[in-house]
Amino acid sequence: RRQNQCRDTIGSYYCKDQACQKLEKDGRGCEDVDECVVVNGGCQQCYINTLGTFHCECDTGYGLHADERTCIKMDPCTGGNGCAHICQNENGVTRCVCCPGYQLSNDKKACGGRRLKLMA
């Protein structure tokens, strides 16, 4: 609650700062309005209410689209996934796999061992 930040005017109110959204019933303080209670604030998945505003977030495996409202499914295996050999996308979670002849190290990303040589 912020005291003396909002001023009541005829039919409206005036706020000294951007965070003040609504004049409290006592007419002296201002109250934050949770924009997200109406249609989830326009966010497709999750919203985070902050003083005077809000922002959208996405569930695990999804990333926020450029419109900052909708969420798009992400492929964790594209670029910088940390897997030494093969990356598998399992429901938005990275799973590293090694090529034949190698074993996955304890860090679950590196591959150790020696490649088996096949004699023909």
PDB file of N, CA and C in Angstrom:
ATOM      1  N   ARG A   1       0.839  -1.177   0.000  1.00  0.00           N
ATOM      2  CA  ARG A   1       0.000   0.000   0.000  1.00  0.00           C
ATOM      3  C   ARG A   1       0.885   1.242   0.000  1.00  0.00           C
ATOM      4  N   ARG A   2       0.548   2.172  -0.834  1.00  0.00           N
ATOM      5  CA  ARG A   2       1.314   3.408  -0.906  1.00  0.00           C
ATOM      6  C   ARG A   2       0.410   4.563  -0.496  1.00  0.00           C
ATOM      7  N   GLN A   3       0.796   5.267   0.501  1.00  0.00           N
ATOM      8  CA  GLN A   3       0.015   6.406   0.967  1.00  0.00           C
ATOM      9  C   GLN A   3       0.275   7.626   0.084  1.00  0.00           C
ATOM     10  N   ASN A   4      -0.765   8.397  -0.154  1.00  0.00           N
ATOM     11  CA  ASN A   4      -0.677   9.692  -0.837  1.00  0.00           C
ATOM     12  C   ASN A   4      -0.065   9.619  -2.235  1.00  0.00           C
ATOM     13  N   GLN A   5      -0.190   8.497  -2.897  1.00  0.00           N
ATOM     14  CA  GLN A   5       0.304   8.394  -4.264  1.00  0.00           C
ATOM     15  C   GLN A   5      -0.797   8.674  -5.283  1.00  0.00           C
ATOM     16  N   CYS A   6      -2.053   8.433  -4.908  1.00  0.00           N
ATOM     17  CA  CYS A   6      -3.178   8.671  -5.807  1.00  0.00           C
ATOM     18  C   CYS A   6      -3.999   9.848  -5.309  1.00  0.00           C
ATOM     19  N   ARG A   7      -4.533  10.591  -6.241  1.00  0.00           N
ATOM     20  CA  ARG A   7      -5.410  11.713  -5.919  1.00  0.00           C
ATOM     21  C   ARG A   7      -6.728  11.510  -6.644  1.00  0.00           C
ATOM     22  N   ASP A   8      -7.803  11.572  -5.887  1.00  0.00           N
ATOM     23  CA  ASP A   8      -9.139  11.421  -6.452  1.00  0.00           C
ATOM     24  C   ASP A   8      -9.517  12.701  -7.180  1.00  0.00           C
ATOM     25  N   THR A   9     -10.067  12.562  -8.369  1.00  0.00           N
ATOM     26  CA  THR A   9     -10.593  13.703  -9.115  1.00  0.00           C
ATOM     27  C   THR A   9     -12.045  13.397  -9.448  1.00  0.00           C
ATOM     28  N   ILE A  10     -12.749  14.322 -10.016  1.00  0.00           N
ATOM     29  CA  ILE A  10     -14.161  14.116 -10.335  1.00  0.00           C
ATOM     30  C   ILE A  10     -14.287  13.003 -11.369  1.00  0.00           C
ATOM     31  N   GLY A  11     -14.898  11.893 -10.958  1.00  0.00           N
ATOM     32  CA  GLY A  11     -15.126  10.767 -11.854  1.00  0.00           C
ATOM     33  C   GLY A  11     -13.911   9.932 -12.187  1.00  0.00           C
ATOM     34  N   SER A  12     -12.767  10.218 -11.563  1.00  0.00           N
ATOM     35  CA  SER A  12     -11.564   9.477 -11.899  1.00  0.00           C
ATOM     36  C   SER A  12     -10.562   9.587 -10.751  1.00  0.00           C
ATOM     37  N   TYR A  13      -9.294   9.351 -11.055  1.00  0.00           N
ATOM     38  CA  TYR A  13      -8.227   9.506 -10.074  1.00  0.00           C
ATOM     39  C   TYR A  13      -6.948   9.858 -10.810  1.00  0.00           C
ATOM     40  N   TYR A  14      -6.017  10.398 -10.092  1.00  0.00           N
ATOM     41  CA  TYR A  14      -4.730  10.767 -10.650  1.00  0.00           C
ATOM     42  C   TYR A  14      -3.650  10.084  -9.819  1.00  0.00           C
ATOM     43  N   CYS A  15      -2.717   9.440 -10.473  1.00  0.00           N
ATOM     44  CA  CYS A  15      -1.638   8.759  -9.759  1.00  0.00           C
ATOM     45  C   CYS A  15      -0.323   9.464 -10.018  1.00  0.00           C
ATOM     46  N   LYS A  16       0.455   9.616  -8.951  1.00  0.00           N
ATOM     47  CA  LYS A  16       1.772  10.236  -9.081  1.00  0.00           C
ATOM     48  C   LYS A  16       2.793   9.286  -9.690  1.00  0.00           C
ATOM     49  N   ASP A  17       2.568   7.987  -9.542  1.00  0.00           N
ATOM     50  CA  ASP A  17       3.510   7.035 -10.131  1.00  0.00           C
ATOM     51  C   ASP A  17       2.767   5.962 -10.920  1.00  0.00           C
ATOM     52  N   GLN A  18       3.492   5.264 -11.769  1.00  0.00           N
ATOM     53  CA  GLN A  18       2.897   4.265 -12.655  1.00  0.00           C
ATOM     54  C   GLN A  18       2.370   3.055 -11.895  1.00  0.00           C
ATOM     55  N   ALA A  19       2.934   2.774 -10.715  1.00  0.00           N
ATOM     56  CA  ALA A  19       2.527   1.583  -9.980  1.00  0.00           C
ATOM     57  C   ALA A  19       1.144   1.720  -9.360  1.00  0.00           C
ATOM     58  N   CYS A  20       0.686   2.946  -9.191  1.00  0.00           N
ATOM     59  CA  CYS A  20      -0.628   3.154  -8.587  1.00  0.00           C
ATOM     60  C   CYS A  20      -1.703   2.865  -9.624  1.00  0.00           C
ATOM     61  N   GLN A  21      -2.556   1.918  -9.336  1.00  0.00           N
ATOM     62  CA  GLN A  21      -3.558   1.487 -10.293  1.00  0.00           C
ATOM     63  C   GLN A  21      -4.970   1.901  -9.919  1.00  0.00           C
ATOM     64  N   LYS A  22      -5.259   1.914  -8.621  1.00  0.00           N
ATOM     65  CA  LYS A  22      -6.633   2.126  -8.189  1.00  0.00           C
ATOM     66  C   LYS A  22      -6.615   2.776  -6.811  1.00  0.00           C
ATOM     67  N   LEU A  23      -7.442   3.770  -6.625  1.00  0.00           N
ATOM     68  CA  LEU A  23      -7.539   4.448  -5.341  1.00  0.00           C
ATOM     69  C   LEU A  23      -8.246   3.545  -4.344  1.00  0.00           C
ATOM     70  N   GLU A  24      -7.677   3.419  -3.144  1.00  0.00           N
ATOM     71  CA  GLU A  24      -8.314   2.607  -2.111  1.00  0.00           C
ATOM     72  C   GLU A  24      -9.570   3.300  -1.600  1.00  0.00           C
ATOM     73  N   LYS A  25     -10.411   2.538  -0.923  1.00  0.00           N
ATOM     74  CA  LYS A  25     -11.687   3.064  -0.434  1.00  0.00           C
ATOM     75  C   LYS A  25     -11.506   4.234   0.514  1.00  0.00           C
ATOM     76  N   ASP A  26     -10.399   4.264   1.243  1.00  0.00           N
ATOM     77  CA  ASP A  26     -10.170   5.370   2.178  1.00  0.00           C
ATOM     78  C   ASP A  26      -9.795   6.657   1.460  1.00  0.00           C
ATOM     79  N   GLY A  27      -9.525   6.570   0.153  1.00  0.00           N
ATOM     80  CA  GLY A  27      -9.225   7.749  -0.646  1.00  0.00           C
ATOM     81  C   GLY A  27      -7.822   8.295  -0.464  1.00  0.00           C
ATOM     82  N   ARG A  28      -6.985   7.628   0.312  1.00  0.00           N
ATOM     83  CA  ARG A  28      -5.646   8.150   0.575  1.00  0.00           C
ATOM     84  C   ARG A  28      -4.530   7.293  -0.020  1.00  0.00           C
ATOM     85  N   GLY A  29      -4.729   6.011  -0.100  1.00  0.00           N
ATOM     86  CA  GLY A  29      -3.685   5.125  -0.603  1.00  0.00           C
ATOM     87  C   GLY A  29      -4.042   4.583  -1.970  1.00  0.00           C
ATOM     88  N   CYS A  30      -3.111   3.928  -2.587  1.00  0.00           N
ATOM     89  CA  CYS A  30      -3.421   3.308  -3.862  1.00  0.00           C
ATOM     90  C   CYS A  30      -3.227   1.809  -3.751  1.00  0.00           C
ATOM     91  N   GLU A  31      -3.945   1.099  -4.558  1.00  0.00           N
ATOM     92  CA  GLU A  31      -4.009  -0.349  -4.493  1.00  0.00           C
ATOM     93  C   GLU A  31      -3.573  -0.921  -5.836  1.00  0.00           C
ATOM     94  N   ASP A  32      -2.799  -1.980  -5.790  1.00  0.00           N
ATOM     95  CA  ASP A  32      -2.391  -2.652  -7.023  1.00  0.00           C
ATOM     96  C   ASP A  32      -3.577  -3.425  -7.583  1.00  0.00           C
ATOM     97  N   VAL A  33      -3.732  -3.382  -8.891  1.00  0.00           N
ATOM     98  CA  VAL A  33      -4.777  -4.144  -9.563  1.00  0.00           C
ATOM     99  C   VAL A  33      -4.122  -5.361 -10.197  1.00  0.00           C
ATOM    100  N   ASP A  34      -4.649  -6.536  -9.927  1.00  0.00           N
ATOM    101  CA  ASP A  34      -4.132  -7.763 -10.525  1.00  0.00           C
ATOM    102  C   ASP A  34      -4.774  -7.927 -11.897  1.00  0.00           C
ATOM    103  N   GLU A  35      -4.043  -7.512 -12.940  1.00  0.00           N
ATOM    104  CA  GLU A  35      -4.559  -7.565 -14.309  1.00  0.00           C
ATOM    105  C   GLU A  35      -4.832  -8.991 -14.760  1.00  0.00           C
ATOM    106  N   CYS A  36      -4.256  -9.936 -14.070  1.00  0.00           N
ATOM    107  CA  CYS A  36      -4.327 -11.325 -14.491  1.00  0.00           C
ATOM    108  C   CYS A  36      -5.618 -12.024 -14.095  1.00  0.00           C
ATOM    109  N   VAL A  37      -6.415 -11.418 -13.226  1.00  0.00           N
ATOM    110  CA  VAL A  37      -7.660 -12.071 -12.835  1.00  0.00           C
ATOM    111  C   VAL A  37      -8.670 -12.070 -13.973  1.00  0.00           C
ATOM    112  N   VAL A  38      -8.485 -11.209 -14.947  1.00  0.00           N
ATOM    113  CA  VAL A  38      -9.367 -11.164 -16.112  1.00  0.00           C
ATOM    114  C   VAL A  38      -8.656 -11.853 -17.269  1.00  0.00           C
ATOM    115  N   VAL A  39      -9.191 -12.947 -17.738  1.00  0.00           N
ATOM    116  CA  VAL A  39      -8.679 -13.716 -18.877  1.00  0.00           C
ATOM    117  C   VAL A  39      -7.173 -13.981 -18.765  1.00  0.00           C
ATOM    118  N   ASN A  40      -6.710 -14.299 -17.551  1.00  0.00           N
ATOM    119  CA  ASN A  40      -5.311 -14.653 -17.322  1.00  0.00           C
ATOM    120  C   ASN A  40      -4.344 -13.569 -17.804  1.00  0.00           C
ATOM    121  N   GLY A  41      -4.797 -12.330 -17.862  1.00  0.00           N
ATOM    122  CA  GLY A  41      -3.947 -11.222 -18.295  1.00  0.00           C
ATOM    123  C   GLY A  41      -3.555 -11.305 -19.756  1.00  0.00           C
ATOM    124  N   GLY A  42      -4.206 -12.169 -20.520  1.00  0.00           N
ATOM    125  CA  GLY A  42      -3.852 -12.361 -21.921  1.00  0.00           C
ATOM    126  C   GLY A  42      -2.729 -13.367 -22.115  1.00  0.00           C
ATOM    127  N   CYS A  43      -2.232 -13.924 -21.020  1.00  0.00           N
ATOM    128  CA  CYS A  43      -1.146 -14.911 -21.093  1.00  0.00           C
ATOM    129  C   CYS A  43      -1.714 -16.279 -21.442  1.00  0.00           C
ATOM    130  N   GLN A  44      -1.023 -16.990 -22.301  1.00  0.00           N
ATOM    131  CA  GLN A  44      -1.477 -18.316 -22.705  1.00  0.00           C
ATOM    132  C   GLN A  44      -1.350 -19.338 -21.581  1.00  0.00           C
ATOM    133  N   GLN A  45      -0.255 -19.281 -20.813  1.00  0.00           N
ATOM    134  CA  GLN A  45      -0.046 -20.295 -19.777  1.00  0.00           C
ATOM    135  C   GLN A  45       0.023 -19.696 -18.378  1.00  0.00           C
ATOM    136  N   CYS A  46       1.088 -19.027 -18.032  1.00  0.00           N
ATOM    137  CA  CYS A  46       1.282 -18.542 -16.662  1.00  0.00           C
ATOM    138  C   CYS A  46       1.453 -17.028 -16.643  1.00  0.00           C
ATOM    139  N   TYR A  47       1.041 -16.428 -15.554  1.00  0.00           N
ATOM    140  CA  TYR A  47       1.263 -14.995 -15.389  1.00  0.00           C
ATOM    141  C   TYR A  47       1.890 -14.739 -14.033  1.00  0.00           C
ATOM    142  N   ILE A  48       2.629 -13.655 -13.964  1.00  0.00           N
ATOM    143  CA  ILE A  48       3.228 -13.209 -12.713  1.00  0.00           C
ATOM    144  C   ILE A  48       2.777 -11.774 -12.505  1.00  0.00           C
ATOM    145  N   ASN A  49       2.004 -11.548 -11.447  1.00  0.00           N
ATOM    146  CA  ASN A  49       1.540 -10.196 -11.140  1.00  0.00           C
ATOM    147  C   ASN A  49       2.633  -9.465 -10.370  1.00  0.00           C
ATOM    148  N   THR A  50       2.928  -8.242 -10.776  1.00  0.00           N
ATOM    149  CA  THR A  50       3.866  -7.387 -10.063  1.00  0.00           C
ATOM    150  C   THR A  50       3.182  -6.053  -9.828  1.00  0.00           C
ATOM    151  N   LEU A  51       3.729  -5.235  -8.972  1.00  0.00           N
ATOM    152  CA  LEU A  51       3.113  -3.964  -8.637  1.00  0.00           C
ATOM    153  C   LEU A  51       2.984  -3.084  -9.877  1.00  0.00           C
ATOM    154  N   GLY A  52       1.760  -2.823 -10.277  1.00  0.00           N
ATOM    155  CA  GLY A  52       1.498  -1.930 -11.401  1.00  0.00           C
ATOM    156  C   GLY A  52       1.520  -2.583 -12.761  1.00  0.00           C
ATOM    157  N   THR A  53       1.920  -3.835 -12.838  1.00  0.00           N
ATOM    158  CA  THR A  53       1.981  -4.497 -14.142  1.00  0.00           C
ATOM    159  C   THR A  53       2.011  -6.015 -13.937  1.00  0.00           C
ATOM    160  N   PHE A  54       2.378  -6.751 -14.963  1.00  0.00           N
ATOM    161  CA  PHE A  54       2.506  -8.202 -14.892  1.00  0.00           C
ATOM    162  C   PHE A  54       3.339  -8.656 -16.072  1.00  0.00           C
ATOM    163  N   HIS A  55       3.766  -9.913 -16.056  1.00  0.00           N
ATOM    164  CA  HIS A  55       4.421 -10.494 -17.227  1.00  0.00           C
ATOM    165  C   HIS A  55       4.030 -11.959 -17.332  1.00  0.00           C
ATOM    166  N   CYS A  56       4.125 -12.470 -18.541  1.00  0.00           N
ATOM    167  CA  CYS A  56       3.751 -13.857 -18.814  1.00  0.00           C
ATOM    168  C   CYS A  56       4.979 -14.759 -18.725  1.00  0.00           C
ATOM    169  N   GLU A  57       4.745 -15.995 -18.342  1.00  0.00           N
ATOM    170  CA  GLU A  57       5.785 -17.019 -18.341  1.00  0.00           C
ATOM    171  C   GLU A  57       5.196 -18.292 -18.926  1.00  0.00           C
ATOM    172  N   CYS A  58       6.068 -19.219 -19.279  1.00  0.00           N
ATOM    173  CA  CYS A  58       5.627 -20.467 -19.897  1.00  0.00           C
ATOM    174  C   CYS A  58       6.043 -21.664 -19.058  1.00  0.00           C
ATOM    175  N   ASP A  59       5.315 -22.753 -19.227  1.00  0.00           N
ATOM    176  CA  ASP A  59       5.622 -24.001 -18.546  1.00  0.00           C
ATOM    177  C   ASP A  59       6.941 -24.570 -19.067  1.00  0.00           C
ATOM    178  N   THR A  60       7.530 -25.510 -18.329  1.00  0.00           N
ATOM    179  CA  THR A  60       8.759 -26.184 -18.745  1.00  0.00           C
ATOM    180  C   THR A  60       8.564 -26.810 -20.126  1.00  0.00           C
ATOM    181  N   GLY A  61       9.548 -26.611 -20.984  1.00  0.00           N
ATOM    182  CA  GLY A  61       9.475 -27.149 -22.339  1.00  0.00           C
ATOM    183  C   GLY A  61       8.899 -26.170 -23.342  1.00  0.00           C
ATOM    184  N   TYR A  62       8.482 -24.989 -22.865  1.00  0.00           N
ATOM    185  CA  TYR A  62       7.919 -23.957 -23.734  1.00  0.00           C
ATOM    186  C   TYR A  62       8.689 -22.667 -23.523  1.00  0.00           C
ATOM    187  N   GLY A  63       8.733 -21.843 -24.563  1.00  0.00           N
ATOM    188  CA  GLY A  63       9.378 -20.539 -24.479  1.00  0.00           C
ATOM    189  C   GLY A  63       8.394 -19.451 -24.847  1.00  0.00           C
ATOM    190  N   LEU A  64       8.622 -18.260 -24.335  1.00  0.00           N
ATOM    191  CA  LEU A  64       7.743 -17.133 -24.600  1.00  0.00           C
ATOM    192  C   LEU A  64       7.961 -16.616 -26.014  1.00  0.00           C
ATOM    193  N   HIS A  65       6.884 -16.479 -26.765  1.00  0.00           N
ATOM    194  CA  HIS A  65       6.913 -15.976 -28.138  1.00  0.00           C
ATOM    195  C   HIS A  65       7.230 -14.482 -28.108  1.00  0.00           C
ATOM    196  N   ALA A  66       7.596 -13.924 -29.243  1.00  0.00           N
ATOM    197  CA  ALA A  66       7.928 -12.504 -29.344  1.00  0.00           C
ATOM    198  C   ALA A  66       6.776 -11.597 -28.914  1.00  0.00           C
ATOM    199  N   ASP A  67       5.529 -12.083 -29.009  1.00  0.00           N
ATOM    200  CA  ASP A  67       4.385 -11.260 -28.589  1.00  0.00           C
ATOM    201  C   ASP A  67       4.275 -11.155 -27.067  1.00  0.00           C
ATOM    202  N   GLU A  68       5.139 -11.869 -26.343  1.00  0.00           N
ATOM    203  CA  GLU A  68       5.208 -11.872 -24.885  1.00  0.00           C
ATOM    204  C   GLU A  68       3.915 -12.319 -24.208  1.00  0.00           C
ATOM    205  N   ARG A  69       3.080 -13.072 -24.936  1.00  0.00           N
ATOM    206  CA  ARG A  69       1.821 -13.579 -24.394  1.00  0.00           C
ATOM    207  C   ARG A  69       1.658 -15.085 -24.631  1.00  0.00           C
ATOM    208  N   THR A  70       2.007 -15.533 -25.845  1.00  0.00           N
ATOM    209  CA  THR A  70       1.814 -16.935 -26.190  1.00  0.00           C
ATOM    210  C   THR A  70       3.104 -17.729 -25.972  1.00  0.00           C
ATOM    211  N   CYS A  71       2.935 -19.038 -25.808  1.00  0.00           N
ATOM    212  CA  CYS A  71       4.061 -19.932 -25.548  1.00  0.00           C
ATOM    213  C   CYS A  71       4.228 -20.897 -26.716  1.00  0.00           C
ATOM    214  N   ILE A  72       5.476 -21.134 -27.090  1.00  0.00           N
ATOM    215  CA  ILE A  72       5.758 -22.060 -28.182  1.00  0.00           C
ATOM    216  C   ILE A  72       6.599 -23.218 -27.645  1.00  0.00           C
ATOM    217  N   LYS A  73       6.329 -24.409 -28.165  1.00  0.00           N
ATOM    218  CA  LYS A  73       7.064 -25.607 -27.733  1.00  0.00           C
ATOM    219  C   LYS A  73       8.517 -25.467 -28.167  1.00  0.00           C
ATOM    220  N   MET A  74       9.419 -25.700 -27.240  1.00  0.00           N
ATOM    221  CA  MET A  74      10.843 -25.565 -27.507  1.00  0.00           C
ATOM    222  C   MET A  74      11.466 -26.943 -27.704  1.00  0.00           C
ATOM    223  N   ASP A  75      12.496 -26.996 -28.521  1.00  0.00           N
ATOM    224  CA  ASP A  75      13.268 -28.223 -28.686  1.00  0.00           C
ATOM    225  C   ASP A  75      14.596 -28.007 -27.974  1.00  0.00           C
ATOM    226  N   PRO A  76      14.788 -28.635 -26.811  1.00  0.00           N
ATOM    227  CA  PRO A  76      16.015 -28.405 -26.051  1.00  0.00           C
ATOM    228  C   PRO A  76      17.264 -28.931 -26.756  1.00  0.00           C
ATOM    229  N   CYS A  77      17.091 -29.684 -27.832  1.00  0.00           N
ATOM    230  CA  CYS A  77      18.235 -30.243 -28.547  1.00  0.00           C
ATOM    231  C   CYS A  77      18.791 -29.298 -29.603  1.00  0.00           C
ATOM    232  N   THR A  78      18.180 -28.156 -29.790  1.00  0.00           N
ATOM    233  CA  THR A  78      18.710 -27.212 -30.772  1.00  0.00           C
ATOM    234  C   THR A  78      19.715 -26.299 -30.088  1.00  0.00           C
ATOM    235  N   GLY A  79      20.949 -26.362 -30.513  1.00  0.00           N
ATOM    236  CA  GLY A  79      22.008 -25.470 -30.056  1.00  0.00           C
ATOM    237  C   GLY A  79      22.280 -25.450 -28.564  1.00  0.00           C
ATOM    238  N   GLY A  80      23.512 -25.687 -28.191  1.00  0.00           N
ATOM    239  CA  GLY A  80      23.952 -25.536 -26.816  1.00  0.00           C
ATOM    240  C   GLY A  80      23.294 -26.458 -25.813  1.00  0.00           C
ATOM    241  N   ASN A  81      22.991 -27.683 -26.227  1.00  0.00           N
ATOM    242  CA  ASN A  81      22.298 -28.606 -25.327  1.00  0.00           C
ATOM    243  C   ASN A  81      23.241 -29.334 -24.380  1.00  0.00           C
ATOM    244  N   GLY A  82      24.537 -29.300 -24.641  1.00  0.00           N
ATOM    245  CA  GLY A  82      25.521 -29.904 -23.748  1.00  0.00           C
ATOM    246  C   GLY A  82      25.822 -31.367 -23.999  1.00  0.00           C
ATOM    247  N   CYS A  83      25.105 -32.008 -24.902  1.00  0.00           N
ATOM    248  CA  CYS A  83      25.352 -33.429 -25.185  1.00  0.00           C
ATOM    249  C   CYS A  83      26.594 -33.583 -26.060  1.00  0.00           C
ATOM    250  N   ALA A  84      27.455 -34.537 -25.688  1.00  0.00           N
ATOM    251  CA  ALA A  84      28.675 -34.773 -26.455  1.00  0.00           C
ATOM    252  C   ALA A  84      28.384 -35.431 -27.801  1.00  0.00           C
ATOM    253  N   HIS A  85      27.403 -36.329 -27.847  1.00  0.00           N
ATOM    254  CA  HIS A  85      27.110 -37.047 -29.086  1.00  0.00           C
ATOM    255  C   HIS A  85      25.700 -36.763 -29.599  1.00  0.00           C
ATOM    256  N   ILE A  86      24.716 -37.415 -29.029  1.00  0.00           N
ATOM    257  CA  ILE A  86      23.344 -37.347 -29.545  1.00  0.00           C
ATOM    258  C   ILE A  86      22.408 -36.789 -28.473  1.00  0.00           C
ATOM    259  N   CYS A  87      21.564 -35.874 -28.886  1.00  0.00           N
ATOM    260  CA  CYS A  87      20.559 -35.307 -27.982  1.00  0.00           C
ATOM    261  C   CYS A  87      19.188 -35.832 -28.383  1.00  0.00           C
ATOM    262  N   GLN A  88      18.428 -36.290 -27.400  1.00  0.00           N
ATOM    263  CA  GLN A  88      17.051 -36.726 -27.645  1.00  0.00           C
ATOM    264  C   GLN A  88      16.116 -35.837 -26.834  1.00  0.00           C
ATOM    265  N   ASN A  89      15.063 -35.363 -27.485  1.00  0.00           N
ATOM    266  CA  ASN A  89      14.062 -34.524 -26.834  1.00  0.00           C
ATOM    267  C   ASN A  89      12.972 -35.430 -26.276  1.00  0.00           C
ATOM    268  N   GLU A  90      12.876 -35.508 -24.959  1.00  0.00           N
ATOM    269  CA  GLU A  90      11.844 -36.324 -24.321  1.00  0.00           C
ATOM    270  C   GLU A  90      10.903 -35.408 -23.547  1.00  0.00           C
ATOM    271  N   ASN A  91       9.800 -35.040 -24.193  1.00  0.00           N
ATOM    272  CA  ASN A  91       8.802 -34.144 -23.599  1.00  0.00           C
ATOM    273  C   ASN A  91       9.413 -32.833 -23.115  1.00  0.00           C
ATOM    274  N   GLY A  92      10.269 -32.250 -23.940  1.00  0.00           N
ATOM    275  CA  GLY A  92      10.866 -30.962 -23.617  1.00  0.00           C
ATOM    276  C   GLY A  92      12.079 -31.029 -22.715  1.00  0.00           C
ATOM    277  N   VAL A  93      12.534 -32.225 -22.386  1.00  0.00           N
ATOM    278  CA  VAL A  93      13.704 -32.403 -21.528  1.00  0.00           C
ATOM    279  C   VAL A  93      14.814 -33.064 -22.342  1.00  0.00           C
ATOM    280  N   THR A  94      16.029 -32.558 -22.192  1.00  0.00           N
ATOM    281  CA  THR A  94      17.183 -33.097 -22.906  1.00  0.00           C
ATOM    282  C   THR A  94      17.627 -34.429 -22.313  1.00  0.00           C
ATOM    283  N   ARG A  95      17.844 -35.400 -23.190  1.00  0.00           N
ATOM    284  CA  ARG A  95      18.425 -36.689 -22.791  1.00  0.00           C
ATOM    285  C   ARG A  95      19.590 -36.956 -23.734  1.00  0.00           C
ATOM    286  N   CYS A  96      20.783 -37.095 -23.179  1.00  0.00           N
ATOM    287  CA  CYS A  96      21.972 -37.348 -23.987  1.00  0.00           C
ATOM    288  C   CYS A  96      22.198 -38.846 -24.162  1.00  0.00           C
ATOM    289  N   VAL A  97      22.611 -39.224 -25.364  1.00  0.00           N
ATOM    290  CA  VAL A  97      22.886 -40.618 -25.708  1.00  0.00           C
ATOM    291  C   VAL A  97      24.229 -40.644 -26.435  1.00  0.00           C
ATOM    292  N   CYS A  98      24.982 -41.704 -26.214  1.00  0.00           N
ATOM    293  CA  CYS A  98      26.286 -41.838 -26.868  1.00  0.00           C
ATOM    294  C   CYS A  98      26.191 -42.727 -28.108  1.00  0.00           C
ATOM    295  N   CYS A  99      27.112 -42.504 -29.018  1.00  0.00           N
ATOM    296  CA  CYS A  99      27.213 -43.341 -30.212  1.00  0.00           C
ATOM    297  C   CYS A  99      27.622 -44.755 -29.785  1.00  0.00           C
ATOM    298  N   PRO A 100      27.328 -45.752 -30.627  1.00  0.00           N
ATOM    299  CA  PRO A 100      27.715 -47.135 -30.305  1.00  0.00           C
ATOM    300  C   PRO A 100      29.204 -47.229 -29.975  1.00  0.00           C
ATOM    301  N   GLY A 101      29.516 -47.986 -28.919  1.00  0.00           N
ATOM    302  CA  GLY A 101      30.901 -48.159 -28.496  1.00  0.00           C
ATOM    303  C   GLY A 101      31.330 -47.191 -27.406  1.00  0.00           C
ATOM    304  N   TYR A 102      30.499 -46.235 -27.064  1.00  0.00           N
ATOM    305  CA  TYR A 102      30.803 -45.258 -26.021  1.00  0.00           C
ATOM    306  C   TYR A 102      29.777 -45.380 -24.907  1.00  0.00           C
ATOM    307  N   GLN A 103      30.167 -44.939 -23.705  1.00  0.00           N
ATOM    308  CA  GLN A 103      29.252 -44.965 -22.572  1.00  0.00           C
ATOM    309  C   GLN A 103      29.045 -43.555 -22.043  1.00  0.00           C
ATOM    310  N   LEU A 104      27.842 -43.304 -21.578  1.00  0.00           N
ATOM    311  CA  LEU A 104      27.504 -42.006 -21.008  1.00  0.00           C
ATOM    312  C   LEU A 104      28.213 -41.845 -19.666  1.00  0.00           C
ATOM    313  N   SER A 105      28.882 -40.723 -19.489  1.00  0.00           N
ATOM    314  CA  SER A 105      29.607 -40.441 -18.247  1.00  0.00           C
ATOM    315  C   SER A 105      28.635 -40.091 -17.125  1.00  0.00           C
ATOM    316  N   ASN A 106      29.160 -39.991 -15.912  1.00  0.00           N
ATOM    317  CA  ASN A 106      28.342 -39.671 -14.744  1.00  0.00           C
ATOM    318  C   ASN A 106      27.631 -38.324 -14.850  1.00  0.00           C
ATOM    319  N   ASP A 107      28.201 -37.400 -15.637  1.00  0.00           N
ATOM    320  CA  ASP A 107      27.564 -36.086 -15.777  1.00  0.00           C
ATOM    321  C   ASP A 107      26.353 -36.119 -16.710  1.00  0.00           C
ATOM    322  N   LYS A 108      26.082 -37.292 -17.293  1.00  0.00           N
ATOM    323  CA  LYS A 108      24.931 -37.524 -18.187  1.00  0.00           C
ATOM    324  C   LYS A 108      24.985 -36.695 -19.471  1.00  0.00           C
ATOM    325  N   LYS A 109      26.195 -36.192 -19.828  1.00  0.00           N
ATOM    326  CA  LYS A 109      26.351 -35.415 -21.056  1.00  0.00           C
ATOM    327  C   LYS A 109      27.536 -35.893 -21.893  1.00  0.00           C
ATOM    328  N   ALA A 110      28.659 -36.164 -21.232  1.00  0.00           N
ATOM    329  CA  ALA A 110      29.873 -36.588 -21.933  1.00  0.00           C
ATOM    330  C   ALA A 110      29.825 -38.087 -22.219  1.00  0.00           C
ATOM    331  N   CYS A 111      30.584 -38.482 -23.225  1.00  0.00           N
ATOM    332  CA  CYS A 111      30.666 -39.897 -23.601  1.00  0.00           C
ATOM    333  C   CYS A 111      32.107 -40.362 -23.444  1.00  0.00           C
ATOM    334  N   GLY A 112      32.294 -41.481 -22.763  1.00  0.00           N
ATOM    335  CA  GLY A 112      33.634 -42.004 -22.532  1.00  0.00           C
ATOM    336  C   GLY A 112      33.804 -43.376 -23.161  1.00  0.00           C
ATOM    337  N   GLY A 113      35.026 -43.855 -23.128  1.00  0.00           N
ATOM    338  CA  GLY A 113      35.307 -45.156 -23.718  1.00  0.00           C
ATOM    339  C   GLY A 113      35.940 -44.988 -25.080  1.00  0.00           C
ATOM    340  N   ARG A 114      36.189 -46.101 -25.705  1.00  0.00           N
ATOM    341  CA  ARG A 114      36.804 -46.056 -27.032  1.00  0.00           C
ATOM    342  C   ARG A 114      35.868 -46.670 -28.036  1.00  0.00           C
ATOM    343  N   ARG A 115      35.867 -46.093 -29.175  1.00  0.00           N
ATOM    344  CA  ARG A 115      35.034 -46.618 -30.243  1.00  0.00           C
ATOM    345  C   ARG A 115      35.564 -47.990 -30.635  1.00  0.00           C
ATOM    346  N   LEU A 116      34.665 -48.931 -30.746  1.00  0.00           N
ATOM    347  CA  LEU A 116      35.036 -50.292 -31.152  1.00  0.00           C
ATOM    348  C   LEU A 116      35.406 -50.306 -32.628  1.00  0.00           C
ATOM    349  N   LYS A 117      36.498 -50.979 -32.946  1.00  0.00           N
ATOM    350  CA  LYS A 117      36.906 -51.096 -34.345  1.00  0.00           C
ATOM    351  C   LYS A 117      36.358 -52.402 -34.885  1.00  0.00           C
ATOM    352  N   LEU A 118      35.709 -52.315 -35.988  1.00  0.00           N
ATOM    353  CA  LEU A 118      35.149 -53.510 -36.623  1.00  0.00           C
ATOM    354  C   LEU A 118      36.113 -53.985 -37.699  1.00  0.00           C
ATOM    355  N   MET A 119      36.435 -55.255 -37.668  1.00  0.00           N
ATOM    356  CA  MET A 119      37.330 -55.834 -38.667  1.00  0.00           C
ATOM    357  C   MET A 119      36.486 -56.497 -39.743  1.00  0.00           C
ATOM    358  N   ALA A 120      36.830 -56.253 -40.948  1.00  0.00           N
ATOM    359  CA  ALA A 120      36.071 -56.859 -42.037  1.00  0.00           C
ATOM    360  C   ALA A 120      36.823 -57.999 -42.660  1.00  0.00           C
TER     361      ALA A 120
END
